[in-house]
Amino acid sequence: MTGGRTICTALVNQVLFPYSMELVQEDLKNDVPFSVATDASNKGNRKFFPVAIQYFSPKRGICHKIMDFYEDSFEDSTSIKERLCEVIDKSRLPWSRVTAYGADNAS
């Protein structure tokens, strides 16, 4: 299968990502606790931040999922916290089930 960059980007953003978020929502619908982790990855003058969660599923065992991967030029704690809140809120995951937070040099 081949596709241009625009088609591949649209496929990932409009089909694969929403479907994977549905699967995570399904796994976490029964009050399943989860942990959240972030880390900055620098490439030149660009800073990328993945937001990952980890939880246990009786069907799959320990699950690791990437919830978002955003670019931000700010690496201070306030900016990271604001973006993390946006990601968790957008995913409709309740903060009351977050059991741990991990971050590079800030765990």
C-alpha atoms as a PDB file:
ATOM      1  CA  MET A   1       0.000   0.000   0.000  1.00  0.00           C
ATOM      2  CA  THR A   2       1.341   3.386  -0.901  1.00  0.00           C
ATOM      3  CA  GLY A   3      -0.030   6.826  -0.336  1.00  0.00           C
ATOM      4  CA  GLY A   4       1.030  10.411  -0.458  1.00  0.00           C
ATOM      5  CA  ARG A   5       1.952  12.297   2.645  1.00  0.00           C
ATOM      6  CA  THR A   6      -1.412  14.070   2.794  1.00  0.00           C
ATOM      7  CA  ILE A   7      -3.372  10.825   2.473  1.00  0.00           C
ATOM      8  CA  CYS A   8      -1.264   9.050   5.097  1.00  0.00           C
ATOM      9  CA  THR A   9      -1.555  11.977   7.497  1.00  0.00           C
ATOM     10  CA  ALA A  10      -5.321  12.085   7.035  1.00  0.00           C
ATOM     11  CA  LEU A  11      -5.589   8.318   7.552  1.00  0.00           C
ATOM     12  CA  VAL A  12      -3.652   8.479  10.813  1.00  0.00           C
ATOM     13  CA  ASN A  13      -5.398  11.607  12.132  1.00  0.00           C
ATOM     14  CA  GLN A  14      -8.944  10.827  11.004  1.00  0.00           C
ATOM     15  CA  VAL A  15      -9.144   7.021  11.286  1.00  0.00           C
ATOM     16  CA  LEU A  16      -6.377   5.300  13.238  1.00  0.00           C
ATOM     17  CA  PHE A  17      -5.979   7.794  16.085  1.00  0.00           C
ATOM     18  CA  PRO A  18      -9.722   8.136  16.842  1.00  0.00           C
ATOM     19  CA  TYR A  19     -10.119   4.355  16.733  1.00  0.00           C
ATOM     20  CA  SER A  20      -7.187   3.791  19.088  1.00  0.00           C
ATOM     21  CA  MET A  21      -8.672   6.357  21.504  1.00  0.00           C
ATOM     22  CA  GLU A  22     -11.976   4.435  21.412  1.00  0.00           C
ATOM     23  CA  LEU A  23     -10.099   1.276  22.405  1.00  0.00           C
ATOM     24  CA  VAL A  24      -8.425   3.062  25.318  1.00  0.00           C
ATOM     25  CA  GLN A  25     -11.782   4.493  26.431  1.00  0.00           C
ATOM     26  CA  GLU A  26     -13.276   0.993  26.306  1.00  0.00           C
ATOM     27  CA  ASP A  27     -10.412  -0.429  28.396  1.00  0.00           C
ATOM     28  CA  LEU A  28     -10.700   2.342  30.990  1.00  0.00           C
ATOM     29  CA  LYS A  29     -14.484   2.593  31.276  1.00  0.00           C
ATOM     30  CA  ASN A  30     -14.756   0.460  34.429  1.00  0.00           C
ATOM     31  CA  ASP A  31     -12.904   2.737  36.856  1.00  0.00           C
ATOM     32  CA  VAL A  32      -9.487   1.374  35.885  1.00  0.00           C
ATOM     33  CA  PRO A  33      -6.618   3.310  37.503  1.00  0.00           C
ATOM     34  CA  PHE A  34      -3.813   4.508  35.222  1.00  0.00           C
ATOM     35  CA  SER A  35      -0.522   6.355  35.357  1.00  0.00           C
ATOM     36  CA  VAL A  36       0.603   9.235  33.139  1.00  0.00           C
ATOM     37  CA  ALA A  37       4.089  10.013  31.849  1.00  0.00           C
ATOM     38  CA  THR A  38       5.585  12.847  29.820  1.00  0.00           C
ATOM     39  CA  ASP A  39       9.076  13.630  28.618  1.00  0.00           C
ATOM     40  CA  ALA A  40      10.661  16.221  26.379  1.00  0.00           C
ATOM     41  CA  SER A  41      12.517  15.150  23.270  1.00  0.00           C
ATOM     42  CA  ASN A  42      14.702  17.802  21.700  1.00  0.00           C
ATOM     43  CA  LYS A  43      15.593  17.806  18.033  1.00  0.00           C
ATOM     44  CA  GLY A  44      17.559  20.910  17.235  1.00  0.00           C
ATOM     45  CA  ASN A  45      15.521  23.858  18.449  1.00  0.00           C
ATOM     46  CA  ARG A  46      12.242  21.870  18.437  1.00  0.00           C
ATOM     47  CA  LYS A  47      10.805  20.219  21.563  1.00  0.00           C
ATOM     48  CA  PHE A  48       8.397  17.308  21.303  1.00  0.00           C
ATOM     49  CA  PHE A  49       6.370  15.924  24.201  1.00  0.00           C
ATOM     50  CA  PRO A  50       4.756  12.492  24.144  1.00  0.00           C
ATOM     51  CA  VAL A  51       1.996  11.877  26.688  1.00  0.00           C
ATOM     52  CA  ALA A  52       1.690   8.207  27.597  1.00  0.00           C
ATOM     53  CA  ILE A  53      -0.531   6.248  29.945  1.00  0.00           C
ATOM     54  CA  GLN A  54      -0.092   2.821  31.481  1.00  0.00           C
ATOM     55  CA  TYR A  55      -2.826   0.616  32.901  1.00  0.00           C
ATOM     56  CA  PHE A  56      -3.723  -3.009  33.485  1.00  0.00           C
ATOM     57  CA  SER A  57      -6.309  -4.783  31.342  1.00  0.00           C
ATOM     58  CA  PRO A  58      -7.540  -8.262  32.333  1.00  0.00           C
ATOM     59  CA  LYS A  59      -7.619  -9.199  28.621  1.00  0.00           C
ATOM     60  CA  ARG A  60      -4.260  -7.708  27.561  1.00  0.00           C
ATOM     61  CA  GLY A  61      -2.206  -7.360  30.744  1.00  0.00           C
ATOM     62  CA  ILE A  62      -0.138  -4.206  31.215  1.00  0.00           C
ATOM     63  CA  CYS A  63      -0.957  -1.707  28.456  1.00  0.00           C
ATOM     64  CA  HIS A  64       1.121   1.276  27.334  1.00  0.00           C
ATOM     65  CA  LYS A  65      -0.623   3.855  25.131  1.00  0.00           C
ATOM     66  CA  ILE A  66       0.484   7.136  23.589  1.00  0.00           C
ATOM     67  CA  MET A  67      -2.328   9.620  24.152  1.00  0.00           C
ATOM     68  CA  ASP A  68      -0.774  12.571  22.346  1.00  0.00           C
ATOM     69  CA  PHE A  69       2.477  13.810  20.878  1.00  0.00           C
ATOM     70  CA  TYR A  70       2.704  17.579  20.735  1.00  0.00           C
ATOM     71  CA  GLU A  71       5.323  20.199  19.977  1.00  0.00           C
ATOM     72  CA  ASP A  72       5.878  23.095  22.360  1.00  0.00           C
ATOM     73  CA  SER A  73       8.740  25.556  22.582  1.00  0.00           C
ATOM     74  CA  PHE A  74       8.247  25.892  26.345  1.00  0.00           C
ATOM     75  CA  GLU A  75       9.630  23.263  28.699  1.00  0.00           C
ATOM     76  CA  ASP A  76       8.695  24.847  32.027  1.00  0.00           C
ATOM     77  CA  SER A  77       6.493  23.037  34.540  1.00  0.00           C
ATOM     78  CA  THR A  78       3.509  25.359  34.047  1.00  0.00           C
ATOM     79  CA  SER A  79       3.401  24.795  30.282  1.00  0.00           C
ATOM     80  CA  ILE A  80       3.800  21.032  30.649  1.00  0.00           C
ATOM     81  CA  LYS A  81       1.022  20.905  33.263  1.00  0.00           C
ATOM     82  CA  GLU A  82      -1.363  22.969  31.107  1.00  0.00           C
ATOM     83  CA  ARG A  83      -0.808  20.802  28.038  1.00  0.00           C
ATOM     84  CA  LEU A  84      -1.068  17.598  30.079  1.00  0.00           C
ATOM     85  CA  CYS A  85      -4.411  18.786  31.475  1.00  0.00           C
ATOM     86  CA  GLU A  86      -5.624  19.509  27.931  1.00  0.00           C
ATOM     87  CA  VAL A  87      -4.667  16.016  26.751  1.00  0.00           C
ATOM     88  CA  ILE A  88      -6.293  14.216  29.694  1.00  0.00           C
ATOM     89  CA  ASP A  89      -9.442  16.362  29.519  1.00  0.00           C
ATOM     90  CA  LYS A  90      -9.715  15.940  25.737  1.00  0.00           C
ATOM     91  CA  SER A  91      -9.459  12.182  26.226  1.00  0.00           C
ATOM     92  CA  ARG A  92     -12.321  12.353  28.761  1.00  0.00           C
ATOM     93  CA  LEU A  93     -10.272  10.469  31.348  1.00  0.00           C
ATOM     94  CA  PRO A  94     -10.997  11.373  34.981  1.00  0.00           C
ATOM     95  CA  TRP A  95      -8.128  12.782  37.028  1.00  0.00           C
ATOM     96  CA  SER A  96      -9.435  10.859  40.027  1.00  0.00           C
ATOM     97  CA  ARG A  97      -8.072   7.636  38.494  1.00  0.00           C
ATOM     98  CA  VAL A  98      -4.532   8.899  37.911  1.00  0.00           C
ATOM     99  CA  THR A  99      -2.340   6.951  40.318  1.00  0.00           C
ATOM    100  CA  ALA A 100       1.111   8.203  39.312  1.00  0.00           C
ATOM    101  CA  TYR A 101       2.881  10.801  37.205  1.00  0.00           C
ATOM    102  CA  GLY A 102       6.304  10.306  35.701  1.00  0.00           C
ATOM    103  CA  ALA A 103       8.487  12.834  33.921  1.00  0.00           C
ATOM    104  CA  ASP A 104      12.128  13.145  33.025  1.00  0.00           C
ATOM    105  CA  ASN A 105      13.986  14.508  36.062  1.00  0.00           C
ATOM    106  CA  ALA A 106      10.674  15.346  37.751  1.00  0.00           C
ATOM    107  CA  SER A 107       9.260  12.002  38.898  1.00  0.00           C
END
